[in-house]
Amino acid sequence: MIETLTMGKLKWHHITNPTEDDFDKLRKNFHFHPLDIEDCKSINQRPKIDIYDDYYFIILQYPNFDRQNKFIKTKEVKFFWGSDYIITIEKSPWYVNQLFNEFREHDEDVLTNKLKTTDILLYRIFEKLMMESLYLLKKVGLDLEMINRELFGDKQVSIIERISVTRKNIITVNTIFKPQLRMFHAFESGQIKGFGDTDFMEDYWGDILDYYQKVWDMTEDHEDLIEGLSKTFDSMQTNKTNEIMKILTIISSIILPLTFVTGFFGMNVAFSFIPDGSTVAVWVIFAAMVLLGVGLGVTFKRRRWWF
């Protein structure tokens, strides 16, 4: 269903979960290129901007958490940008839909004075999407702080899972924004002219580029931090494993000679120096084993093989 918001001479058409009827209306009323319509039907398109004589077609991607608020997924927003209209297309209601509803609650005259060109309207949409993306990245940063605090705790399995999830989310954000930086450099440099005063909009496009640069810098910082936390955690686990193996080796080294003694004297062999039926031999052998075990323990302690 196509919803329309009128602001003087400008119109904002918003489509959520487009149907074939919606695409037919776009073909008939705006005569868009057939390939652009096909791109609107597809999902997981790479971000791009197609330039035509009378309109621009833009595909952008932004991060969003899934329903469990755990993994970051990619959300696509498609734009048709003309001199007196903006058409936005979303697969499901999202931030653009929220902004559309917010604008619809405003007085038309107020919006007309604020949004005099489609360039400004498009800037407001981009700004909304980037502010939400920054908020999402701050949540990722909070997850990293929690992992850092709990790194030396006893919930090792949980930390492994959280490090893996956070690393995946950071890679997803990196993949989303990296190809779009070049596109908004073209906006800021004036290569993409728009339909209003190019010099006037240069600062606004530069502001969006600043948002992208900030997101990119935060993503790189998060990436370095998660790699550092991961290496620290791996080192801790390796050290813990080495300590366990060290303890087991020391215990085995003490038990091995004692096992030999019990095995040797446990054989049914008669010893000429031990009277038959005497229990003295048992206590002598037991004392010798205790002394041997204590001696090995002291030796390991002096050599600092023991804690």
C-alpha atoms as a PDB file:
ATOM      1  CA  MET A   1       0.000   0.000   0.000  1.00  0.00           C
ATOM      2  CA  ILE A   2       1.345   3.411  -0.984  1.00  0.00           C
ATOM      3  CA  GLU A   3       0.929   6.110   1.670  1.00  0.00           C
ATOM      4  CA  THR A   4       1.410   9.734   0.654  1.00  0.00           C
ATOM      5  CA  LEU A   5       2.414  12.772   2.680  1.00  0.00           C
ATOM      6  CA  THR A   6       2.000  16.153   0.963  1.00  0.00           C
ATOM      7  CA  MET A   7       4.221  19.126   1.909  1.00  0.00           C
ATOM      8  CA  GLY A   8       3.340  21.976  -0.447  1.00  0.00           C
ATOM      9  CA  LYS A   9       4.634  20.970  -3.864  1.00  0.00           C
ATOM     10  CA  LEU A  10       6.567  18.037  -2.443  1.00  0.00           C
ATOM     11  CA  LYS A  11       5.215  14.537  -1.887  1.00  0.00           C
ATOM     12  CA  TRP A  12       6.623  11.707   0.141  1.00  0.00           C
ATOM     13  CA  HIS A  13       5.299   8.309  -0.939  1.00  0.00           C
ATOM     14  CA  HIS A  14       6.070   5.519   1.489  1.00  0.00           C
ATOM     15  CA  ILE A  15       5.589   1.803   0.762  1.00  0.00           C
ATOM     16  CA  THR A  16       5.849  -0.921   3.379  1.00  0.00           C
ATOM     17  CA  ASN A  17       5.925  -4.556   2.254  1.00  0.00           C
ATOM     18  CA  PRO A  18       5.242  -3.663  -1.403  1.00  0.00           C
ATOM     19  CA  THR A  19       2.927  -5.774  -3.523  1.00  0.00           C
ATOM     20  CA  GLU A  20       2.761  -6.283  -7.267  1.00  0.00           C
ATOM     21  CA  ASP A  21      -0.031  -3.694  -7.438  1.00  0.00           C
ATOM     22  CA  ASP A  22       2.284  -1.137  -5.845  1.00  0.00           C
ATOM     23  CA  PHE A  23       4.962  -1.839  -8.442  1.00  0.00           C
ATOM     24  CA  ASP A  24       2.388  -1.492 -11.240  1.00  0.00           C
ATOM     25  CA  LYS A  25       1.434   1.947  -9.911  1.00  0.00           C
ATOM     26  CA  LEU A  26       5.068   2.978  -9.843  1.00  0.00           C
ATOM     27  CA  ARG A  27       5.474   1.892 -13.465  1.00  0.00           C
ATOM     28  CA  LYS A  28       2.367   3.738 -14.657  1.00  0.00           C
ATOM     29  CA  ASN A  29       2.662   6.938 -12.620  1.00  0.00           C
ATOM     30  CA  PHE A  30       6.426   7.526 -12.634  1.00  0.00           C
ATOM     31  CA  HIS A  31       7.773   5.489 -15.582  1.00  0.00           C
ATOM     32  CA  PHE A  32      10.797   4.234 -13.667  1.00  0.00           C
ATOM     33  CA  HIS A  33      13.354   2.052 -15.384  1.00  0.00           C
ATOM     34  CA  PRO A  34      12.253  -1.625 -15.379  1.00  0.00           C
ATOM     35  CA  LEU A  35      15.555  -2.696 -13.835  1.00  0.00           C
ATOM     36  CA  ASP A  36      14.928  -0.411 -10.860  1.00  0.00           C
ATOM     37  CA  ILE A  37      11.542  -2.017 -10.331  1.00  0.00           C
ATOM     38  CA  GLU A  38      13.172  -5.443 -10.455  1.00  0.00           C
ATOM     39  CA  ASP A  39      15.738  -4.307  -7.866  1.00  0.00           C
ATOM     40  CA  CYS A  40      12.877  -3.222  -5.618  1.00  0.00           C
ATOM     41  CA  LYS A  41      11.458  -6.728  -5.752  1.00  0.00           C
ATOM     42  CA  SER A  42      14.784  -8.305  -4.838  1.00  0.00           C
ATOM     43  CA  ILE A  43      16.401  -8.380  -1.422  1.00  0.00           C
ATOM     44  CA  ASN A  44      20.027  -8.296  -0.304  1.00  0.00           C
ATOM     45  CA  GLN A  45      21.035  -5.893  -3.040  1.00  0.00           C
ATOM     46  CA  ARG A  46      24.382  -4.130  -2.752  1.00  0.00           C
ATOM     47  CA  PRO A  47      24.169  -0.423  -1.870  1.00  0.00           C
ATOM     48  CA  LYS A  48      24.217   1.707  -4.999  1.00  0.00           C
ATOM     49  CA  ILE A  49      22.919   4.843  -6.663  1.00  0.00           C
ATOM     50  CA  ASP A  50      21.658   4.929 -10.266  1.00  0.00           C
ATOM     51  CA  ILE A  51      21.541   8.371 -11.891  1.00  0.00           C
ATOM     52  CA  TYR A  52      18.916   9.234 -14.486  1.00  0.00           C
ATOM     53  CA  ASP A  53      17.901  12.484 -16.132  1.00  0.00           C
ATOM     54  CA  ASP A  54      14.895  13.110 -13.907  1.00  0.00           C
ATOM     55  CA  TYR A  55      15.431  10.941 -10.810  1.00  0.00           C
ATOM     56  CA  TYR A  56      17.896   8.953  -8.720  1.00  0.00           C
ATOM     57  CA  PHE A  57      17.433   5.386  -7.554  1.00  0.00           C
ATOM     58  CA  ILE A  58      19.238   4.561  -4.298  1.00  0.00           C
ATOM     59  CA  ILE A  59      19.625   1.326  -2.347  1.00  0.00           C
ATOM     60  CA  LEU A  60      21.041   1.607   1.164  1.00  0.00           C
ATOM     61  CA  GLN A  61      21.566  -0.887   3.950  1.00  0.00           C
ATOM     62  CA  TYR A  62      21.484  -0.360   7.704  1.00  0.00           C
ATOM     63  CA  PRO A  63      22.004  -2.607  10.737  1.00  0.00           C
ATOM     64  CA  ASN A  64      19.195  -3.783  12.972  1.00  0.00           C
ATOM     65  CA  PHE A  65      18.961  -6.354  15.766  1.00  0.00           C
ATOM     66  CA  ASP A  66      16.838  -9.450  15.268  1.00  0.00           C
ATOM     67  CA  ARG A  67      13.794 -10.230  17.405  1.00  0.00           C
ATOM     68  CA  GLN A  68      15.943 -11.806  20.118  1.00  0.00           C
ATOM     69  CA  ASN A  69      18.024  -8.603  20.225  1.00  0.00           C
ATOM     70  CA  LYS A  70      21.132 -10.731  19.736  1.00  0.00           C
ATOM     71  CA  PHE A  71      22.319 -10.828  16.140  1.00  0.00           C
ATOM     72  CA  ILE A  72      22.551  -7.843  13.813  1.00  0.00           C
ATOM     73  CA  LYS A  73      20.690  -8.243  10.544  1.00  0.00           C
ATOM     74  CA  THR A  74      20.740  -6.136   7.409  1.00  0.00           C
ATOM     75  CA  LYS A  75      17.776  -3.889   6.624  1.00  0.00           C
ATOM     76  CA  GLU A  76      17.371  -2.464   3.139  1.00  0.00           C
ATOM     77  CA  VAL A  77      15.758   0.834   2.253  1.00  0.00           C
ATOM     78  CA  LYS A  78      15.166   1.822  -1.361  1.00  0.00           C
ATOM     79  CA  PHE A  79      14.646   5.395  -2.556  1.00  0.00           C
ATOM     80  CA  PHE A  80      13.320   7.026  -5.697  1.00  0.00           C
ATOM     81  CA  TRP A  81      14.419  10.644  -5.510  1.00  0.00           C
ATOM     82  CA  GLY A  82      12.893  13.149  -7.882  1.00  0.00           C
ATOM     83  CA  SER A  83      12.581  16.937  -8.049  1.00  0.00           C
ATOM     84  CA  ASP A  84       9.204  17.039  -6.293  1.00  0.00           C
ATOM     85  CA  TYR A  85       8.862  13.577  -4.707  1.00  0.00           C
ATOM     86  CA  ILE A  86      10.594  10.991  -2.559  1.00  0.00           C
ATOM     87  CA  ILE A  87       9.520   7.356  -2.664  1.00  0.00           C
ATOM     88  CA  THR A  88      10.760   5.088   0.120  1.00  0.00           C
ATOM     89  CA  ILE A  89      10.319   1.314   0.116  1.00  0.00           C
ATOM     90  CA  GLU A  90      10.757  -0.961   3.124  1.00  0.00           C
ATOM     91  CA  LYS A  91      10.204  -4.683   3.405  1.00  0.00           C
ATOM     92  CA  SER A  92       8.715  -4.275   6.892  1.00  0.00           C
ATOM     93  CA  PRO A  93       7.875  -1.275   9.115  1.00  0.00           C
ATOM     94  CA  TRP A  94      11.085   0.255  10.406  1.00  0.00           C
ATOM     95  CA  TYR A  95      12.692   3.619  11.163  1.00  0.00           C
ATOM     96  CA  VAL A  96      11.682   5.231   7.883  1.00  0.00           C
ATOM     97  CA  ASN A  97       8.106   4.264   8.636  1.00  0.00           C
ATOM     98  CA  GLN A  98       8.474   5.820  12.107  1.00  0.00           C
ATOM     99  CA  LEU A  99       9.751   9.089  10.613  1.00  0.00           C
ATOM    100  CA  PHE A 100       6.935   9.080   8.056  1.00  0.00           C
ATOM    101  CA  ASN A 101       4.349   8.751  10.846  1.00  0.00           C
ATOM    102  CA  GLU A 102       6.074  11.483  12.860  1.00  0.00           C
ATOM    103  CA  PHE A 103       5.941  13.863   9.893  1.00  0.00           C
ATOM    104  CA  ARG A 104       2.317  12.974   9.252  1.00  0.00           C
ATOM    105  CA  GLU A 105       1.426  14.222  12.742  1.00  0.00           C
ATOM    106  CA  HIS A 106       2.968  17.642  12.032  1.00  0.00           C
ATOM    107  CA  ASP A 107       1.105  20.544  10.511  1.00  0.00           C
ATOM    108  CA  GLU A 108       1.450  20.638   6.717  1.00  0.00           C
ATOM    109  CA  ASP A 109       2.424  24.330   6.656  1.00  0.00           C
ATOM    110  CA  VAL A 110       5.175  23.746   9.203  1.00  0.00           C
ATOM    111  CA  LEU A 111       6.582  20.866   7.178  1.00  0.00           C
ATOM    112  CA  THR A 112       6.346  22.893   3.983  1.00  0.00           C
ATOM    113  CA  ASN A 113       8.471  25.656   5.526  1.00  0.00           C
ATOM    114  CA  LYS A 114      11.040  23.188   6.870  1.00  0.00           C
ATOM    115  CA  LEU A 115      11.234  20.890   3.847  1.00  0.00           C
ATOM    116  CA  LYS A 116      11.434  23.150   0.830  1.00  0.00           C
ATOM    117  CA  THR A 117      13.198  20.659  -1.440  1.00  0.00           C
ATOM    118  CA  THR A 118      13.377  16.904  -1.734  1.00  0.00           C
ATOM    119  CA  ASP A 119      17.095  17.191  -0.972  1.00  0.00           C
ATOM    120  CA  ILE A 120      16.318  18.359   2.569  1.00  0.00           C
ATOM    121  CA  LEU A 121      13.680  15.669   3.008  1.00  0.00           C
ATOM    122  CA  LEU A 122      16.146  13.006   1.892  1.00  0.00           C
ATOM    123  CA  TYR A 123      18.726  14.410   4.314  1.00  0.00           C
ATOM    124  CA  ARG A 124      16.223  14.109   7.190  1.00  0.00           C
ATOM    125  CA  ILE A 125      15.611  10.458   6.320  1.00  0.00           C
ATOM    126  CA  PHE A 126      19.342   9.727   6.107  1.00  0.00           C
ATOM    127  CA  GLU A 127      19.903  11.507   9.411  1.00  0.00           C
ATOM    128  CA  LYS A 128      17.237   9.418  11.141  1.00  0.00           C
ATOM    129  CA  LEU A 129      18.745   6.179   9.860  1.00  0.00           C
ATOM    130  CA  MET A 130      22.276   7.152  10.869  1.00  0.00           C
ATOM    131  CA  MET A 131      21.228   8.247  14.370  1.00  0.00           C
ATOM    132  CA  GLU A 132      19.595   4.871  14.915  1.00  0.00           C
ATOM    133  CA  SER A 133      22.702   3.127  13.574  1.00  0.00           C
ATOM    134  CA  LEU A 134      24.884   5.040  16.034  1.00  0.00           C
ATOM    135  CA  TYR A 135      22.555   4.044  18.857  1.00  0.00           C
ATOM    136  CA  LEU A 136      22.873   0.404  17.802  1.00  0.00           C
ATOM    137  CA  LEU A 137      26.672   0.636  17.755  1.00  0.00           C
ATOM    138  CA  LYS A 138      26.635   2.105  21.254  1.00  0.00           C
ATOM    139  CA  LYS A 139      24.735  -0.990  22.393  1.00  0.00           C
ATOM    140  CA  VAL A 140      27.448  -3.139  20.829  1.00  0.00           C
ATOM    141  CA  GLY A 141      29.992  -1.051  22.743  1.00  0.00           C
ATOM    142  CA  LEU A 142      28.122  -1.742  25.999  1.00  0.00           C
ATOM    143  CA  ASP A 143      28.238  -5.475  25.225  1.00  0.00           C
ATOM    144  CA  LEU A 144      32.005  -5.183  24.813  1.00  0.00           C
ATOM    145  CA  GLU A 145      32.316  -3.434  28.174  1.00  0.00           C
ATOM    146  CA  MET A 146      30.311  -6.204  29.847  1.00  0.00           C
ATOM    147  CA  ILE A 147      32.516  -8.862  28.256  1.00  0.00           C
ATOM    148  CA  ASN A 148      35.605  -6.978  29.433  1.00  0.00           C
ATOM    149  CA  ARG A 149      34.278  -6.901  33.002  1.00  0.00           C
ATOM    150  CA  GLU A 150      33.302 -10.572  33.067  1.00  0.00           C
ATOM    151  CA  LEU A 151      36.410 -11.814  31.270  1.00  0.00           C
ATOM    152  CA  PHE A 152      38.081 -12.878  34.517  1.00  0.00           C
ATOM    153  CA  GLY A 153      34.956 -14.482  35.934  1.00  0.00           C
ATOM    154  CA  ASP A 154      33.969 -18.131  35.966  1.00  0.00           C
ATOM    155  CA  LYS A 155      31.349 -18.049  33.172  1.00  0.00           C
ATOM    156  CA  GLN A 156      33.750 -19.164  30.480  1.00  0.00           C
ATOM    157  CA  VAL A 157      31.239 -20.835  28.160  1.00  0.00           C
ATOM    158  CA  SER A 158      28.999 -17.770  28.216  1.00  0.00           C
ATOM    159  CA  ILE A 159      31.931 -15.462  27.446  1.00  0.00           C
ATOM    160  CA  ILE A 160      33.001 -17.582  24.476  1.00  0.00           C
ATOM    161  CA  GLU A 161      29.490 -17.342  23.024  1.00  0.00           C
ATOM    162  CA  ARG A 162      29.224 -13.591  23.630  1.00  0.00           C
ATOM    163  CA  ILE A 163      32.620 -12.901  22.060  1.00  0.00           C
ATOM    164  CA  SER A 164      31.625 -14.904  18.976  1.00  0.00           C
ATOM    165  CA  VAL A 165      28.251 -13.144  18.665  1.00  0.00           C
ATOM    166  CA  THR A 166      29.772  -9.688  19.106  1.00  0.00           C
ATOM    167  CA  ARG A 167      32.513 -10.382  16.574  1.00  0.00           C
ATOM    168  CA  LYS A 168      29.902 -11.524  14.055  1.00  0.00           C
ATOM    169  CA  ASN A 169      27.833  -8.376  14.674  1.00  0.00           C
ATOM    170  CA  ILE A 170      30.845  -6.107  14.173  1.00  0.00           C
ATOM    171  CA  ILE A 171      31.731  -7.846  10.913  1.00  0.00           C
ATOM    172  CA  THR A 172      28.133  -7.407   9.744  1.00  0.00           C
ATOM    173  CA  VAL A 173      28.178  -3.666  10.505  1.00  0.00           C
ATOM    174  CA  ASN A 174      31.521  -3.349   8.733  1.00  0.00           C
ATOM    175  CA  THR A 175      30.141  -5.101   5.668  1.00  0.00           C
ATOM    176  CA  ILE A 176      27.048  -2.867   5.633  1.00  0.00           C
ATOM    177  CA  PHE A 177      28.746   0.531   5.833  1.00  0.00           C
ATOM    178  CA  LYS A 178      32.005   0.017   3.960  1.00  0.00           C
ATOM    179  CA  PRO A 179      30.552   0.241   0.408  1.00  0.00           C
ATOM    180  CA  GLN A 180      28.366   3.231   1.346  1.00  0.00           C
ATOM    181  CA  LEU A 181      31.226   5.501   2.402  1.00  0.00           C
ATOM    182  CA  ARG A 182      32.267   6.025  -1.199  1.00  0.00           C
ATOM    183  CA  MET A 183      28.696   6.852  -2.182  1.00  0.00           C
ATOM    184  CA  PHE A 184      28.350   9.626   0.388  1.00  0.00           C
ATOM    185  CA  HIS A 185      31.742  11.016  -0.530  1.00  0.00           C
ATOM    186  CA  ALA A 186      30.134  11.575  -3.937  1.00  0.00           C
ATOM    187  CA  PHE A 187      27.244  13.412  -2.240  1.00  0.00           C
ATOM    188  CA  GLU A 188      29.562  15.609  -0.200  1.00  0.00           C
ATOM    189  CA  SER A 189      31.880  16.425  -3.112  1.00  0.00           C
ATOM    190  CA  GLY A 190      28.985  17.531  -5.330  1.00  0.00           C
ATOM    191  CA  GLN A 191      29.252  14.690  -7.853  1.00  0.00           C
ATOM    192  CA  ILE A 192      25.608  13.929  -7.075  1.00  0.00           C
ATOM    193  CA  LYS A 193      23.891  17.240  -7.734  1.00  0.00           C
ATOM    194  CA  GLY A 194      20.410  16.681  -6.365  1.00  0.00           C
ATOM    195  CA  PHE A 195      17.504  18.967  -7.239  1.00  0.00           C
ATOM    196  CA  GLY A 196      18.091  21.955  -4.965  1.00  0.00           C
ATOM    197  CA  ASP A 197      20.921  24.361  -4.277  1.00  0.00           C
ATOM    198  CA  THR A 198      24.043  22.195  -4.462  1.00  0.00           C
ATOM    199  CA  ASP A 199      26.186  24.626  -2.456  1.00  0.00           C
ATOM    200  CA  PHE A 200      23.496  24.872   0.229  1.00  0.00           C
ATOM    201  CA  MET A 201      23.234  21.088   0.554  1.00  0.00           C
ATOM    202  CA  GLU A 202      26.987  20.504   0.614  1.00  0.00           C
ATOM    203  CA  ASP A 203      27.157  21.039   4.388  1.00  0.00           C
ATOM    204  CA  TYR A 204      24.171  18.740   4.953  1.00  0.00           C
ATOM    205  CA  TRP A 205      25.667  15.935   2.881  1.00  0.00           C
ATOM    206  CA  GLY A 206      28.924  16.523   4.737  1.00  0.00           C
ATOM    207  CA  ASP A 207      27.007  16.005   7.981  1.00  0.00           C
ATOM    208  CA  ILE A 208      25.745  12.624   6.768  1.00  0.00           C
ATOM    209  CA  LEU A 209      29.283  11.747   5.728  1.00  0.00           C
ATOM    210  CA  ASP A 210      30.435  12.653   9.243  1.00  0.00           C
ATOM    211  CA  TYR A 211      27.861  10.210  10.612  1.00  0.00           C
ATOM    212  CA  TYR A 212      29.243   7.500   8.338  1.00  0.00           C
ATOM    213  CA  GLN A 213      32.803   8.314   9.304  1.00  0.00           C
ATOM    214  CA  LYS A 214      31.885   8.163  12.989  1.00  0.00           C
ATOM    215  CA  VAL A 215      30.163   4.818  12.523  1.00  0.00           C
ATOM    216  CA  TRP A 216      33.166   3.536  10.610  1.00  0.00           C
ATOM    217  CA  ASP A 217      35.600   4.705  13.322  1.00  0.00           C
ATOM    218  CA  MET A 218      33.455   3.166  16.074  1.00  0.00           C
ATOM    219  CA  THR A 219      33.284  -0.098  14.137  1.00  0.00           C
ATOM    220  CA  GLU A 220      37.057  -0.207  13.765  1.00  0.00           C
ATOM    221  CA  ASP A 221      37.510   0.547  17.479  1.00  0.00           C
ATOM    222  CA  HIS A 222      35.051  -2.204  18.397  1.00  0.00           C
ATOM    223  CA  GLU A 223      36.809  -4.577  16.025  1.00  0.00           C
ATOM    224  CA  ASP A 224      40.207  -3.907  17.625  1.00  0.00           C
ATOM    225  CA  LEU A 225      38.717  -4.280  21.105  1.00  0.00           C
ATOM    226  CA  ILE A 226      36.945  -7.579  20.399  1.00  0.00           C
ATOM    227  CA  GLU A 227      40.135  -8.980  18.860  1.00  0.00           C
ATOM    228  CA  GLY A 228      42.081  -7.931  21.952  1.00  0.00           C
ATOM    229  CA  LEU A 229      39.493  -9.460  24.275  1.00  0.00           C
ATOM    230  CA  SER A 230      39.459 -12.642  22.224  1.00  0.00           C
ATOM    231  CA  LYS A 231      43.248 -12.990  22.360  1.00  0.00           C
ATOM    232  CA  THR A 232      43.264 -12.251  26.098  1.00  0.00           C
ATOM    233  CA  PHE A 233      40.585 -14.868  26.699  1.00  0.00           C
ATOM    234  CA  ASP A 234      42.442 -17.442  24.586  1.00  0.00           C
ATOM    235  CA  SER A 235      45.661 -16.743  26.522  1.00  0.00           C
ATOM    236  CA  MET A 236      43.842 -17.148  29.823  1.00  0.00           C
ATOM    237  CA  GLN A 237      42.328 -20.446  28.725  1.00  0.00           C
ATOM    238  CA  THR A 238      45.669 -21.709  27.446  1.00  0.00           C
ATOM    239  CA  ASN A 239      47.363 -20.723  30.689  1.00  0.00           C
ATOM    240  CA  LYS A 240      44.631 -22.415  32.725  1.00  0.00           C
ATOM    241  CA  THR A 241      44.995 -25.591  30.658  1.00  0.00           C
ATOM    242  CA  ASN A 242      48.777 -25.533  31.139  1.00  0.00           C
ATOM    243  CA  GLU A 243      48.373 -25.158  34.902  1.00  0.00           C
ATOM    244  CA  ILE A 244      45.964 -28.097  35.017  1.00  0.00           C
ATOM    245  CA  MET A 245      48.339 -30.255  32.962  1.00  0.00           C
ATOM    246  CA  LYS A 246      51.204 -29.203  35.234  1.00  0.00           C
ATOM    247  CA  ILE A 247      49.331 -30.303  38.348  1.00  0.00           C
ATOM    248  CA  LEU A 248      48.315 -33.608  36.768  1.00  0.00           C
ATOM    249  CA  THR A 249      51.899 -34.245  35.637  1.00  0.00           C
ATOM    250  CA  ILE A 250      53.267 -33.589  39.129  1.00  0.00           C
ATOM    251  CA  ILE A 251      50.674 -35.881  40.703  1.00  0.00           C
ATOM    252  CA  SER A 252      51.481 -38.571  38.133  1.00  0.00           C
ATOM    253  CA  SER A 253      55.218 -38.161  38.810  1.00  0.00           C
ATOM    254  CA  ILE A 254      54.640 -38.728  42.542  1.00  0.00           C
ATOM    255  CA  ILE A 255      52.235 -41.638  42.120  1.00  0.00           C
ATOM    256  CA  LEU A 256      54.315 -43.471  39.490  1.00  0.00           C
ATOM    257  CA  PRO A 257      57.175 -44.611  41.802  1.00  0.00           C
ATOM    258  CA  LEU A 258      54.667 -45.416  44.552  1.00  0.00           C
ATOM    259  CA  THR A 259      52.765 -47.571  42.104  1.00  0.00           C
ATOM    260  CA  PHE A 260      55.994 -49.346  41.219  1.00  0.00           C
ATOM    261  CA  VAL A 261      56.730 -50.065  44.900  1.00  0.00           C
ATOM    262  CA  THR A 262      53.250 -51.438  45.592  1.00  0.00           C
ATOM    263  CA  GLY A 263      53.360 -53.496  42.422  1.00  0.00           C
ATOM    264  CA  PHE A 264      56.779 -54.936  43.218  1.00  0.00           C
ATOM    265  CA  PHE A 265      56.076 -55.837  46.841  1.00  0.00           C
ATOM    266  CA  GLY A 266      52.529 -56.899  46.068  1.00  0.00           C
ATOM    267  CA  MET A 267      53.736 -59.958  44.173  1.00  0.00           C
ATOM    268  CA  ASN A 268      53.475 -63.336  45.962  1.00  0.00           C
ATOM    269  CA  VAL A 269      57.219 -63.628  46.408  1.00  0.00           C
ATOM    270  CA  ALA A 270      58.862 -64.831  49.623  1.00  0.00           C
ATOM    271  CA  PHE A 271      61.564 -62.555  51.007  1.00  0.00           C
ATOM    272  CA  SER A 272      64.216 -64.216  53.162  1.00  0.00           C
ATOM    273  CA  PHE A 273      64.678 -61.142  55.358  1.00  0.00           C
ATOM    274  CA  ILE A 274      60.956 -60.913  56.269  1.00  0.00           C
ATOM    275  CA  PRO A 275      59.552 -63.556  58.659  1.00  0.00           C
ATOM    276  CA  ASP A 276      56.381 -65.276  57.585  1.00  0.00           C
ATOM    277  CA  GLY A 277      53.248 -63.647  59.009  1.00  0.00           C
ATOM    278  CA  SER A 278      55.080 -60.522  60.148  1.00  0.00           C
ATOM    279  CA  THR A 279      53.331 -57.137  59.714  1.00  0.00           C
ATOM    280  CA  VAL A 280      56.527 -55.153  60.141  1.00  0.00           C
ATOM    281  CA  ALA A 281      57.222 -55.258  56.408  1.00  0.00           C
ATOM    282  CA  VAL A 282      53.899 -53.604  55.657  1.00  0.00           C
ATOM    283  CA  TRP A 283      54.651 -50.650  57.877  1.00  0.00           C
ATOM    284  CA  VAL A 284      58.222 -50.390  56.614  1.00  0.00           C
ATOM    285  CA  ILE A 285      57.078 -50.316  53.024  1.00  0.00           C
ATOM    286  CA  PHE A 286      54.279 -47.854  53.873  1.00  0.00           C
ATOM    287  CA  ALA A 287      56.730 -45.517  55.639  1.00  0.00           C
ATOM    288  CA  ALA A 288      59.125 -45.749  52.695  1.00  0.00           C
ATOM    289  CA  MET A 289      56.341 -44.798  50.293  1.00  0.00           C
ATOM    290  CA  VAL A 290      55.345 -41.825  52.468  1.00  0.00           C
ATOM    291  CA  LEU A 291      58.942 -40.641  52.630  1.00  0.00           C
ATOM    292  CA  LEU A 292      59.320 -41.096  48.877  1.00  0.00           C
ATOM    293  CA  GLY A 293      56.138 -39.108  48.169  1.00  0.00           C
ATOM    294  CA  VAL A 294      57.091 -36.312  50.577  1.00  0.00           C
ATOM    295  CA  GLY A 295      60.595 -36.218  49.164  1.00  0.00           C
ATOM    296  CA  LEU A 296      59.355 -35.859  45.611  1.00  0.00           C
ATOM    297  CA  GLY A 297      56.946 -33.128  46.711  1.00  0.00           C
ATOM    298  CA  VAL A 298      59.739 -31.195  48.459  1.00  0.00           C
ATOM    299  CA  THR A 299      61.985 -31.605  45.429  1.00  0.00           C
ATOM    300  CA  PHE A 300      59.299 -30.222  43.097  1.00  0.00           C
ATOM    301  CA  LYS A 301      58.675 -27.343  45.507  1.00  0.00           C
ATOM    302  CA  ARG A 302      62.344 -26.382  45.639  1.00  0.00           C
ATOM    303  CA  ARG A 303      62.609 -26.473  41.884  1.00  0.00           C
ATOM    304  CA  ARG A 304      59.449 -24.327  41.728  1.00  0.00           C
ATOM    305  CA  TRP A 305      57.577 -26.999  39.810  1.00  0.00           C
ATOM    306  CA  TRP A 306      54.936 -26.873  42.548  1.00  0.00           C
ATOM    307  CA  PHE A 307      52.761 -23.940  43.559  1.00  0.00           C
END
